[in-house]
Amino acid sequence: KSDLSQMTANEAVKTLRFWALWGMLFINVTCGIAIIS
């Protein structure tokens, strides 16, 4: 019940927090993969 919302994927993509998660994962993985390589 305490989940922030119950959304479909197409609704989620229109939110600011979706793109915030995307950006955080992108930076974390880009720098991580670069270090590994």
PDB file of all heavy atoms in Angstrom:
ATOM      1  N   LYS A   1       0.836  -1.207   0.000  1.00  0.00           N
ATOM      2  CA  LYS A   1       0.000   0.000   0.000  1.00  0.00           C
ATOM      3  C   LYS A   1       0.868   1.254   0.000  1.00  0.00           C
ATOM      4  O   LYS A   1       0.479   2.289  -0.495  1.00  0.00           O
ATOM      5  CB  LYS A   1      -0.913   0.002   1.231  1.00  0.00           C
ATOM      6  CG  LYS A   1      -2.208  -0.763   1.015  1.00  0.00           C
ATOM      7  CD  LYS A   1      -3.138  -0.582   2.202  1.00  0.00           C
ATOM      8  CE  LYS A   1      -4.142  -1.738   2.242  1.00  0.00           C
ATOM      9  NZ  LYS A   1      -4.453  -2.108   3.619  1.00  0.00           N
ATOM     10  N   SER A   2       2.051   1.163   0.621  1.00  0.00           N
ATOM     11  CA  SER A   2       2.893   2.358   0.725  1.00  0.00           C
ATOM     12  C   SER A   2       3.712   2.628  -0.536  1.00  0.00           C
ATOM     13  O   SER A   2       4.467   3.578  -0.591  1.00  0.00           O
ATOM     14  CB  SER A   2       3.828   2.247   1.934  1.00  0.00           C
ATOM     15  OG  SER A   2       4.835   1.314   1.649  1.00  0.00           O
ATOM     16  N   ASP A   3       3.580   1.774  -1.581  1.00  0.00           N
ATOM     17  CA  ASP A   3       4.208   2.099  -2.865  1.00  0.00           C
ATOM     18  C   ASP A   3       3.668   3.455  -3.318  1.00  0.00           C
ATOM     19  O   ASP A   3       2.493   3.755  -3.134  1.00  0.00           O
ATOM     20  CB  ASP A   3       3.870   1.040  -3.928  1.00  0.00           C
ATOM     21  CG  ASP A   3       4.594  -0.277  -3.669  1.00  0.00           C
ATOM     22  OD1 ASP A   3       5.545  -0.265  -2.870  1.00  0.00           O
ATOM     23  OD2 ASP A   3       4.200  -1.299  -4.249  1.00  0.00           O
ATOM     24  N   LEU A   4       4.531   4.236  -3.924  1.00  0.00           N
ATOM     25  CA  LEU A   4       4.163   5.610  -4.280  1.00  0.00           C
ATOM     26  C   LEU A   4       2.953   5.645  -5.211  1.00  0.00           C
ATOM     27  O   LEU A   4       2.093   6.505  -5.086  1.00  0.00           O
ATOM     28  CB  LEU A   4       5.378   6.285  -4.937  1.00  0.00           C
ATOM     29  CG  LEU A   4       5.405   7.787  -4.937  1.00  0.00           C
ATOM     30  CD1 LEU A   4       5.344   8.352  -3.530  1.00  0.00           C
ATOM     31  CD2 LEU A   4       6.653   8.285  -5.643  1.00  0.00           C
ATOM     32  N   SER A   5       2.905   4.710  -6.158  1.00  0.00           N
ATOM     33  CA  SER A   5       1.792   4.668  -7.106  1.00  0.00           C
ATOM     34  C   SER A   5       1.722   3.276  -7.725  1.00  0.00           C
ATOM     35  O   SER A   5       2.650   2.485  -7.572  1.00  0.00           O
ATOM     36  CB  SER A   5       2.015   5.711  -8.211  1.00  0.00           C
ATOM     37  OG  SER A   5       3.304   5.540  -8.777  1.00  0.00           O
ATOM     38  N   GLN A   6       0.642   2.978  -8.418  1.00  0.00           N
ATOM     39  CA  GLN A   6       0.520   1.746  -9.205  1.00  0.00           C
ATOM     40  C   GLN A   6       0.334   2.194 -10.647  1.00  0.00           C
ATOM     41  O   GLN A   6      -0.734   2.641 -11.027  1.00  0.00           O
ATOM     42  CB  GLN A   6      -0.679   0.905  -8.723  1.00  0.00           C
ATOM     43  CG  GLN A   6      -0.512   0.289  -7.349  1.00  0.00           C
ATOM     44  CD  GLN A   6       0.534  -0.841  -7.326  1.00  0.00           C
ATOM     45  OE1 GLN A   6       0.775  -1.507  -8.328  1.00  0.00           O
ATOM     46  NE2 GLN A   6       1.165  -1.051  -6.173  1.00  0.00           N
ATOM     47  N   MET A   7       1.399   2.101 -11.437  1.00  0.00           N
ATOM     48  CA  MET A   7       1.358   2.647 -12.799  1.00  0.00           C
ATOM     49  C   MET A   7       1.643   1.588 -13.850  1.00  0.00           C
ATOM     50  O   MET A   7       2.358   0.626 -13.600  1.00  0.00           O
ATOM     51  CB  MET A   7       2.411   3.757 -12.955  1.00  0.00           C
ATOM     52  CG  MET A   7       2.067   5.038 -12.260  1.00  0.00           C
ATOM     53  SD  MET A   7       3.233   6.330 -12.773  1.00  0.00           S
ATOM     54  CE  MET A   7       2.472   7.751 -12.019  1.00  0.00           C
ATOM     55  N   THR A   8       1.121   1.820 -15.058  1.00  0.00           N
ATOM     56  CA  THR A   8       1.521   1.001 -16.202  1.00  0.00           C
ATOM     57  C   THR A   8       2.856   1.547 -16.703  1.00  0.00           C
ATOM     58  O   THR A   8       3.251   2.671 -16.345  1.00  0.00           O
ATOM     59  CB  THR A   8       0.488   1.101 -17.348  1.00  0.00           C
ATOM     60  OG1 THR A   8       0.488   2.456 -17.825  1.00  0.00           O
ATOM     61  CG2 THR A   8      -0.920   0.728 -16.889  1.00  0.00           C
ATOM     62  N   ALA A   9       3.520   0.777 -17.557  1.00  0.00           N
ATOM     63  CA  ALA A   9       4.827   1.205 -18.077  1.00  0.00           C
ATOM     64  C   ALA A   9       4.700   2.509 -18.862  1.00  0.00           C
ATOM     65  O   ALA A   9       5.549   3.396 -18.757  1.00  0.00           O
ATOM     66  CB  ALA A   9       5.411   0.111 -18.955  1.00  0.00           C
ATOM     67  N   ASN A  10       3.626   2.628 -19.657  1.00  0.00           N
ATOM     68  CA  ASN A  10       3.472   3.832 -20.489  1.00  0.00           C
ATOM     69  C   ASN A  10       3.169   5.064 -19.654  1.00  0.00           C
ATOM     70  O   ASN A  10       3.522   6.180 -20.035  1.00  0.00           O
ATOM     71  CB  ASN A  10       2.406   3.606 -21.563  1.00  0.00           C
ATOM     72  CG  ASN A  10       2.861   2.548 -22.560  1.00  0.00           C
ATOM     73  OD1 ASN A  10       4.051   2.251 -22.651  1.00  0.00           O
ATOM     74  ND2 ASN A  10       1.936   1.954 -23.291  1.00  0.00           N
ATOM     75  N   GLU A  11       2.539   4.872 -18.496  1.00  0.00           N
ATOM     76  CA  GLU A  11       2.323   6.007 -17.576  1.00  0.00           C
ATOM     77  C   GLU A  11       3.636   6.382 -16.883  1.00  0.00           C
ATOM     78  O   GLU A  11       3.959   7.563 -16.740  1.00  0.00           O
ATOM     79  CB  GLU A  11       1.278   5.636 -16.508  1.00  0.00           C
ATOM     80  CG  GLU A  11      -0.148   5.547 -17.032  1.00  0.00           C
ATOM     81  CD  GLU A  11      -1.108   4.877 -16.040  1.00  0.00           C
ATOM     82  OE1 GLU A  11      -0.644   4.192 -15.080  1.00  0.00           O
ATOM     83  OE2 GLU A  11      -2.320   5.024 -16.237  1.00  0.00           O
ATOM     84  N   ALA A  12       4.390   5.355 -16.478  1.00  0.00           N
ATOM     85  CA  ALA A  12       5.651   5.589 -15.744  1.00  0.00           C
ATOM     86  C   ALA A  12       6.638   6.409 -16.567  1.00  0.00           C
ATOM     87  O   ALA A  12       7.315   7.304 -16.045  1.00  0.00           O
ATOM     88  CB  ALA A  12       6.272   4.259 -15.341  1.00  0.00           C
ATOM     89  N   VAL A  13       6.708   6.112 -17.879  1.00  0.00           N
ATOM     90  CA  VAL A  13       7.667   6.787 -18.770  1.00  0.00           C
ATOM     91  C   VAL A  13       7.429   8.297 -18.829  1.00  0.00           C
ATOM     92  O   VAL A  13       8.343   9.062 -19.121  1.00  0.00           O
ATOM     93  CB  VAL A  13       7.570   6.167 -20.190  1.00  0.00           C
ATOM     94  CG1 VAL A  13       8.377   6.936 -21.204  1.00  0.00           C
ATOM     95  CG2 VAL A  13       8.083   4.739 -20.162  1.00  0.00           C
ATOM     96  N   LYS A  14       6.212   8.707 -18.515  1.00  0.00           N
ATOM     97  CA  LYS A  14       5.887  10.152 -18.587  1.00  0.00           C
ATOM     98  C   LYS A  14       6.234  10.894 -17.293  1.00  0.00           C
ATOM     99  O   LYS A  14       5.999  12.087 -17.176  1.00  0.00           O
ATOM    100  CB  LYS A  14       4.395  10.329 -18.898  1.00  0.00           C
ATOM    101  CG  LYS A  14       4.031   9.829 -20.292  1.00  0.00           C
ATOM    102  CD  LYS A  14       2.534   9.815 -20.523  1.00  0.00           C
ATOM    103  CE  LYS A  14       2.231   9.179 -21.883  1.00  0.00           C
ATOM    104  NZ  LYS A  14       0.899   8.592 -21.918  1.00  0.00           N
ATOM    105  N   THR A  15       6.774  10.187 -16.300  1.00  0.00           N
ATOM    106  CA  THR A  15       7.076  10.846 -15.025  1.00  0.00           C
ATOM    107  C   THR A  15       8.548  11.260 -14.945  1.00  0.00           C
ATOM    108  O   THR A  15       9.415  10.643 -15.567  1.00  0.00           O
ATOM    109  CB  THR A  15       6.785   9.925 -13.822  1.00  0.00           C
ATOM    110  OG1 THR A  15       7.667   8.801 -13.884  1.00  0.00           O
ATOM    111  CG2 THR A  15       5.341   9.439 -13.814  1.00  0.00           C
ATOM    112  N   LEU A  16       8.782  12.286 -14.146  1.00  0.00           N
ATOM    113  CA  LEU A  16      10.141  12.781 -13.922  1.00  0.00           C
ATOM    114  C   LEU A  16      10.990  11.721 -13.226  1.00  0.00           C
ATOM    115  O   LEU A  16      12.170  11.544 -13.534  1.00  0.00           O
ATOM    116  CB  LEU A  16      10.057  14.047 -13.050  1.00  0.00           C
ATOM    117  CG  LEU A  16      11.369  14.767 -12.767  1.00  0.00           C
ATOM    118  CD1 LEU A  16      11.862  15.464 -14.029  1.00  0.00           C
ATOM    119  CD2 LEU A  16      11.194  15.802 -11.658  1.00  0.00           C
ATOM    120  N   ARG A  17      10.391  10.990 -12.279  1.00  0.00           N
ATOM    121  CA  ARG A  17      11.194  10.029 -11.508  1.00  0.00           C
ATOM    122  C   ARG A  17      11.652   8.833 -12.338  1.00  0.00           C
ATOM    123  O   ARG A  17      12.688   8.254 -12.064  1.00  0.00           O
ATOM    124  CB  ARG A  17      10.475   9.584 -10.232  1.00  0.00           C
ATOM    125  CG  ARG A  17       9.098   9.081 -10.389  1.00  0.00           C
ATOM    126  CD  ARG A  17       8.378   9.004  -9.027  1.00  0.00           C
ATOM    127  NE  ARG A  17       7.065   8.414  -9.161  1.00  0.00           N
ATOM    128  CZ  ARG A  17       5.988   9.062  -9.577  1.00  0.00           C
ATOM    129  NH1 ARG A  17       6.084  10.331  -9.922  1.00  0.00           N
ATOM    130  NH2 ARG A  17       4.829   8.437  -9.665  1.00  0.00           N
ATOM    131  N   PHE A  18      10.903   8.484 -13.406  1.00  0.00           N
ATOM    132  CA  PHE A  18      11.364   7.423 -14.311  1.00  0.00           C
ATOM    133  C   PHE A  18      12.698   7.833 -14.933  1.00  0.00           C
ATOM    134  O   PHE A  18      13.665   7.079 -14.946  1.00  0.00           O
ATOM    135  CB  PHE A  18      10.328   7.147 -15.411  1.00  0.00           C
ATOM    136  CG  PHE A  18      10.832   6.192 -16.470  1.00  0.00           C
ATOM    137  CD1 PHE A  18      10.662   4.824 -16.333  1.00  0.00           C
ATOM    138  CD2 PHE A  18      11.522   6.662 -17.586  1.00  0.00           C
ATOM    139  CE1 PHE A  18      11.158   3.940 -17.295  1.00  0.00           C
ATOM    140  CE2 PHE A  18      12.025   5.787 -18.550  1.00  0.00           C
ATOM    141  CZ  PHE A  18      11.835   4.425 -18.403  1.00  0.00           C
ATOM    142  N   TRP A  19      12.730   9.068 -15.451  1.00  0.00           N
ATOM    143  CA  TRP A  19      13.950   9.533 -16.143  1.00  0.00           C
ATOM    144  C   TRP A  19      15.089   9.787 -15.164  1.00  0.00           C
ATOM    145  O   TRP A  19      16.259   9.665 -15.523  1.00  0.00           O
ATOM    146  CB  TRP A  19      13.636  10.769 -16.996  1.00  0.00           C
ATOM    147  CG  TRP A  19      12.739  10.352 -18.127  1.00  0.00           C
ATOM    148  CD1 TRP A  19      11.391  10.567 -18.247  1.00  0.00           C
ATOM    149  CD2 TRP A  19      13.117   9.562 -19.255  1.00  0.00           C
ATOM    150  NE1 TRP A  19      10.911   9.960 -19.387  1.00  0.00           N
ATOM    151  CE2 TRP A  19      11.950   9.341 -20.037  1.00  0.00           C
ATOM    152  CE3 TRP A  19      14.322   9.015 -19.701  1.00  0.00           C
ATOM    153  CZ2 TRP A  19      11.955   8.599 -21.216  1.00  0.00           C
ATOM    154  CZ3 TRP A  19      14.329   8.282 -20.877  1.00  0.00           C
ATOM    155  CH2 TRP A  19      13.159   8.077 -21.621  1.00  0.00           C
ATOM    156  N   ALA A  20      14.738  10.106 -13.908  1.00  0.00           N
ATOM    157  CA  ALA A  20      15.775  10.238 -12.877  1.00  0.00           C
ATOM    158  C   ALA A  20      16.431   8.885 -12.637  1.00  0.00           C
ATOM    159  O   ALA A  20      17.668   8.774 -12.575  1.00  0.00           O
ATOM    160  CB  ALA A  20      15.161  10.772 -11.585  1.00  0.00           C
ATOM    161  N   LEU A  21      15.605   7.821 -12.531  1.00  0.00           N
ATOM    162  CA  LEU A  21      16.161   6.459 -12.360  1.00  0.00           C
ATOM    163  C   LEU A  21      17.018   6.082 -13.554  1.00  0.00           C
ATOM    164  O   LEU A  21      18.097   5.508 -13.412  1.00  0.00           O
ATOM    165  CB  LEU A  21      15.032   5.421 -12.214  1.00  0.00           C
ATOM    166  CG  LEU A  21      14.300   5.288 -10.889  1.00  0.00           C
ATOM    167  CD1 LEU A  21      13.384   4.070 -10.912  1.00  0.00           C
ATOM    168  CD2 LEU A  21      15.261   5.162  -9.716  1.00  0.00           C
ATOM    169  N   TRP A  22      16.514   6.390 -14.766  1.00  0.00           N
ATOM    170  CA  TRP A  22      17.241   6.060 -16.005  1.00  0.00           C
ATOM    171  C   TRP A  22      18.614   6.732 -15.988  1.00  0.00           C
ATOM    172  O   TRP A  22      19.634   6.104 -16.251  1.00  0.00           O
ATOM    173  CB  TRP A  22      16.432   6.531 -17.218  1.00  0.00           C
ATOM    174  CG  TRP A  22      16.860   5.936 -18.526  1.00  0.00           C
ATOM    175  CD1 TRP A  22      16.312   4.870 -19.162  1.00  0.00           C
ATOM    176  CD2 TRP A  22      17.953   6.382 -19.366  1.00  0.00           C
ATOM    177  NE1 TRP A  22      16.984   4.625 -20.343  1.00  0.00           N
ATOM    178  CE2 TRP A  22      17.990   5.528 -20.492  1.00  0.00           C
ATOM    179  CE3 TRP A  22      18.892   7.406 -19.268  1.00  0.00           C
ATOM    180  CZ2 TRP A  22      18.931   5.676 -21.510  1.00  0.00           C
ATOM    181  CZ3 TRP A  22      19.838   7.546 -20.283  1.00  0.00           C
ATOM    182  CH2 TRP A  22      19.855   6.689 -21.402  1.00  0.00           C
ATOM    183  N   GLY A  23      18.620   8.022 -15.651  1.00  0.00           N
ATOM    184  CA  GLY A  23      19.877   8.789 -15.636  1.00  0.00           C
ATOM    185  C   GLY A  23      20.870   8.260 -14.609  1.00  0.00           C
ATOM    186  O   GLY A  23      22.070   8.133 -14.890  1.00  0.00           O
ATOM    187  N   MET A  24      20.356   7.911 -13.417  1.00  0.00           N
ATOM    188  CA  MET A  24      21.246   7.390 -12.366  1.00  0.00           C
ATOM    189  C   MET A  24      21.865   6.058 -12.796  1.00  0.00           C
ATOM    190  O   MET A  24      23.066   5.841 -12.607  1.00  0.00           O
ATOM    191  CB  MET A  24      20.468   7.216 -11.047  1.00  0.00           C
ATOM    192  CG  MET A  24      20.083   8.536 -10.406  1.00  0.00           C
ATOM    193  SD  MET A  24      19.515   8.398  -8.691  1.00  0.00           S
ATOM    194  CE  MET A  24      18.069   7.394  -8.821  1.00  0.00           C
ATOM    195  N   LEU A  25      21.040   5.175 -13.379  1.00  0.00           N
ATOM    196  CA  LEU A  25      21.569   3.877 -13.816  1.00  0.00           C
ATOM    197  C   LEU A  25      22.577   4.069 -14.951  1.00  0.00           C
ATOM    198  O   LEU A  25      23.641   3.442 -14.962  1.00  0.00           O
ATOM    199  CB  LEU A  25      20.432   2.937 -14.262  1.00  0.00           C
ATOM    200  CG  LEU A  25      20.875   1.495 -14.564  1.00  0.00           C
ATOM    201  CD1 LEU A  25      21.359   0.786 -13.300  1.00  0.00           C
ATOM    202  CD2 LEU A  25      19.764   0.671 -15.200  1.00  0.00           C
ATOM    203  N   PHE A  26      22.258   4.979 -15.887  1.00  0.00           N
ATOM    204  CA  PHE A  26      23.144   5.222 -17.024  1.00  0.00           C
ATOM    205  C   PHE A  26      24.532   5.688 -16.559  1.00  0.00           C
ATOM    206  O   PHE A  26      25.558   5.161 -17.000  1.00  0.00           O
ATOM    207  CB  PHE A  26      22.533   6.270 -17.970  1.00  0.00           C
ATOM    208  CG  PHE A  26      23.449   6.644 -19.114  1.00  0.00           C
ATOM    209  CD1 PHE A  26      23.626   5.791 -20.189  1.00  0.00           C
ATOM    210  CD2 PHE A  26      24.161   7.835 -19.101  1.00  0.00           C
ATOM    211  CE1 PHE A  26      24.484   6.115 -21.232  1.00  0.00           C
ATOM    212  CE2 PHE A  26      25.020   8.181 -20.133  1.00  0.00           C
ATOM    213  CZ  PHE A  26      25.182   7.315 -21.207  1.00  0.00           C
ATOM    214  N   ILE A  27      24.562   6.655 -15.634  1.00  0.00           N
ATOM    215  CA  ILE A  27      25.861   7.173 -15.147  1.00  0.00           C
ATOM    216  C   ILE A  27      26.610   6.086 -14.379  1.00  0.00           C
ATOM    217  O   ILE A  27      27.807   5.874 -14.584  1.00  0.00           O
ATOM    218  CB  ILE A  27      25.664   8.435 -14.274  1.00  0.00           C
ATOM    219  CG1 ILE A  27      25.156   9.598 -15.140  1.00  0.00           C
ATOM    220  CG2 ILE A  27      26.968   8.833 -13.576  1.00  0.00           C
ATOM    221  CD1 ILE A  27      24.713  10.835 -14.373  1.00  0.00           C
ATOM    222  N   ASN A  28      25.893   5.366 -13.516  1.00  0.00           N
ATOM    223  CA  ASN A  28      26.528   4.320 -12.704  1.00  0.00           C
ATOM    224  C   ASN A  28      27.152   3.237 -13.582  1.00  0.00           C
ATOM    225  O   ASN A  28      28.280   2.808 -13.359  1.00  0.00           O
ATOM    226  CB  ASN A  28      25.488   3.702 -11.761  1.00  0.00           C
ATOM    227  CG  ASN A  28      26.133   3.032 -10.559  1.00  0.00           C
ATOM    228  OD1 ASN A  28      26.980   3.610  -9.884  1.00  0.00           O
ATOM    229  ND2 ASN A  28      25.748   1.795 -10.292  1.00  0.00           N
ATOM    230  N   VAL A  29      26.411   2.819 -14.618  1.00  0.00           N
ATOM    231  CA  VAL A  29      26.884   1.730 -15.486  1.00  0.00           C
ATOM    232  C   VAL A  29      27.975   2.219 -16.435  1.00  0.00           C
ATOM    233  O   VAL A  29      28.963   1.517 -16.656  1.00  0.00           O
ATOM    234  CB  VAL A  29      25.706   1.108 -16.280  1.00  0.00           C
ATOM    235  CG1 VAL A  29      26.199   0.031 -17.227  1.00  0.00           C
ATOM    236  CG2 VAL A  29      24.677   0.517 -15.320  1.00  0.00           C
ATOM    237  N   THR A  30      27.813   3.432 -16.983  1.00  0.00           N
ATOM    238  CA  THR A  30      28.836   3.960 -17.912  1.00  0.00           C
ATOM    239  C   THR A  30      30.202   4.001 -17.231  1.00  0.00           C
ATOM    240  O   THR A  30      31.198   3.516 -17.770  1.00  0.00           O
ATOM    241  CB  THR A  30      28.459   5.386 -18.386  1.00  0.00           C
ATOM    242  OG1 THR A  30      27.200   5.327 -19.046  1.00  0.00           O
ATOM    243  CG2 THR A  30      29.489   5.932 -19.351  1.00  0.00           C
ATOM    244  N   CYS A  31      30.226   4.590 -16.027  1.00  0.00           N
ATOM    245  CA  CYS A  31      31.504   4.727 -15.317  1.00  0.00           C
ATOM    246  C   CYS A  31      32.019   3.371 -14.850  1.00  0.00           C
ATOM    247  O   CYS A  31      33.227   3.110 -14.895  1.00  0.00           O
ATOM    248  CB  CYS A  31      31.345   5.678 -14.139  1.00  0.00           C
ATOM    249  SG  CYS A  31      30.783   7.318 -14.641  1.00  0.00           S
ATOM    250  N   GLY A  32      31.116   2.483 -14.423  1.00  0.00           N
ATOM    251  CA  GLY A  32      31.510   1.142 -13.970  1.00  0.00           C
ATOM    252  C   GLY A  32      32.107   0.308 -15.084  1.00  0.00           C
ATOM    253  O   GLY A  32      33.179  -0.286 -14.944  1.00  0.00           O
ATOM    254  N   ILE A  33      31.403   0.291 -16.244  1.00  0.00           N
ATOM    255  CA  ILE A  33      31.892  -0.487 -17.398  1.00  0.00           C
ATOM    256  C   ILE A  33      33.235   0.074 -17.871  1.00  0.00           C
ATOM    257  O   ILE A  33      34.142  -0.673 -18.241  1.00  0.00           O
ATOM    258  CB  ILE A  33      30.856  -0.486 -18.551  1.00  0.00           C
ATOM    259  CG1 ILE A  33      29.690  -1.427 -18.215  1.00  0.00           C
ATOM    260  CG2 ILE A  33      31.492  -0.897 -19.869  1.00  0.00           C
ATOM    261  CD1 ILE A  33      28.623  -1.518 -19.289  1.00  0.00           C
ATOM    262  N   ALA A  34      33.350   1.409 -17.843  1.00  0.00           N
ATOM    263  CA  ALA A  34      34.602   2.045 -18.273  1.00  0.00           C
ATOM    264  C   ALA A  34      35.760   1.589 -17.390  1.00  0.00           C
ATOM    265  O   ALA A  34      36.844   1.255 -17.885  1.00  0.00           O
ATOM    266  CB  ALA A  34      34.451   3.561 -18.226  1.00  0.00           C
ATOM    267  N   ILE A  35      35.541   1.548 -16.080  1.00  0.00           N
ATOM    268  CA  ILE A  35      36.584   1.102 -15.138  1.00  0.00           C
ATOM    269  C   ILE A  35      36.924  -0.366 -15.394  1.00  0.00           C
ATOM    270  O   ILE A  35      38.099  -0.758 -15.434  1.00  0.00           O
ATOM    271  CB  ILE A  35      36.097   1.296 -13.675  1.00  0.00           C
ATOM    272  CG1 ILE A  35      36.219   2.766 -13.262  1.00  0.00           C
ATOM    273  CG2 ILE A  35      36.879   0.428 -12.699  1.00  0.00           C
ATOM    274  CD1 ILE A  35      37.633   3.259 -13.032  1.00  0.00           C
ATOM    275  N   ILE A  36      35.883  -1.191 -15.607  1.00  0.00           N
ATOM    276  CA  ILE A  36      36.114  -2.620 -15.858  1.00  0.00           C
ATOM    277  C   ILE A  36      36.957  -2.801 -17.126  1.00  0.00           C
ATOM    278  O   ILE A  36      37.862  -3.630 -17.173  1.00  0.00           O
ATOM    279  CB  ILE A  36      34.764  -3.377 -15.981  1.00  0.00           C
ATOM    280  CG1 ILE A  36      34.062  -3.410 -14.608  1.00  0.00           C
ATOM    281  CG2 ILE A  36      34.955  -4.794 -16.508  1.00  0.00           C
ATOM    282  CD1 ILE A  36      32.605  -3.874 -14.656  1.00  0.00           C
ATOM    283  N   SER A  37      36.648  -1.973 -18.158  1.00  0.00           N
ATOM    284  CA  SER A  37      37.326  -2.181 -19.448  1.00  0.00           C
ATOM    285  C   SER A  37      38.799  -1.756 -19.442  1.00  0.00           C
ATOM    286  O   SER A  37      39.567  -2.203 -20.282  1.00  0.00           O
ATOM    287  CB  SER A  37      36.566  -1.455 -20.575  1.00  0.00           C
ATOM    288  OG  SER A  37      36.654  -0.063 -20.410  1.00  0.00           O
TER     289      SER A  37
END
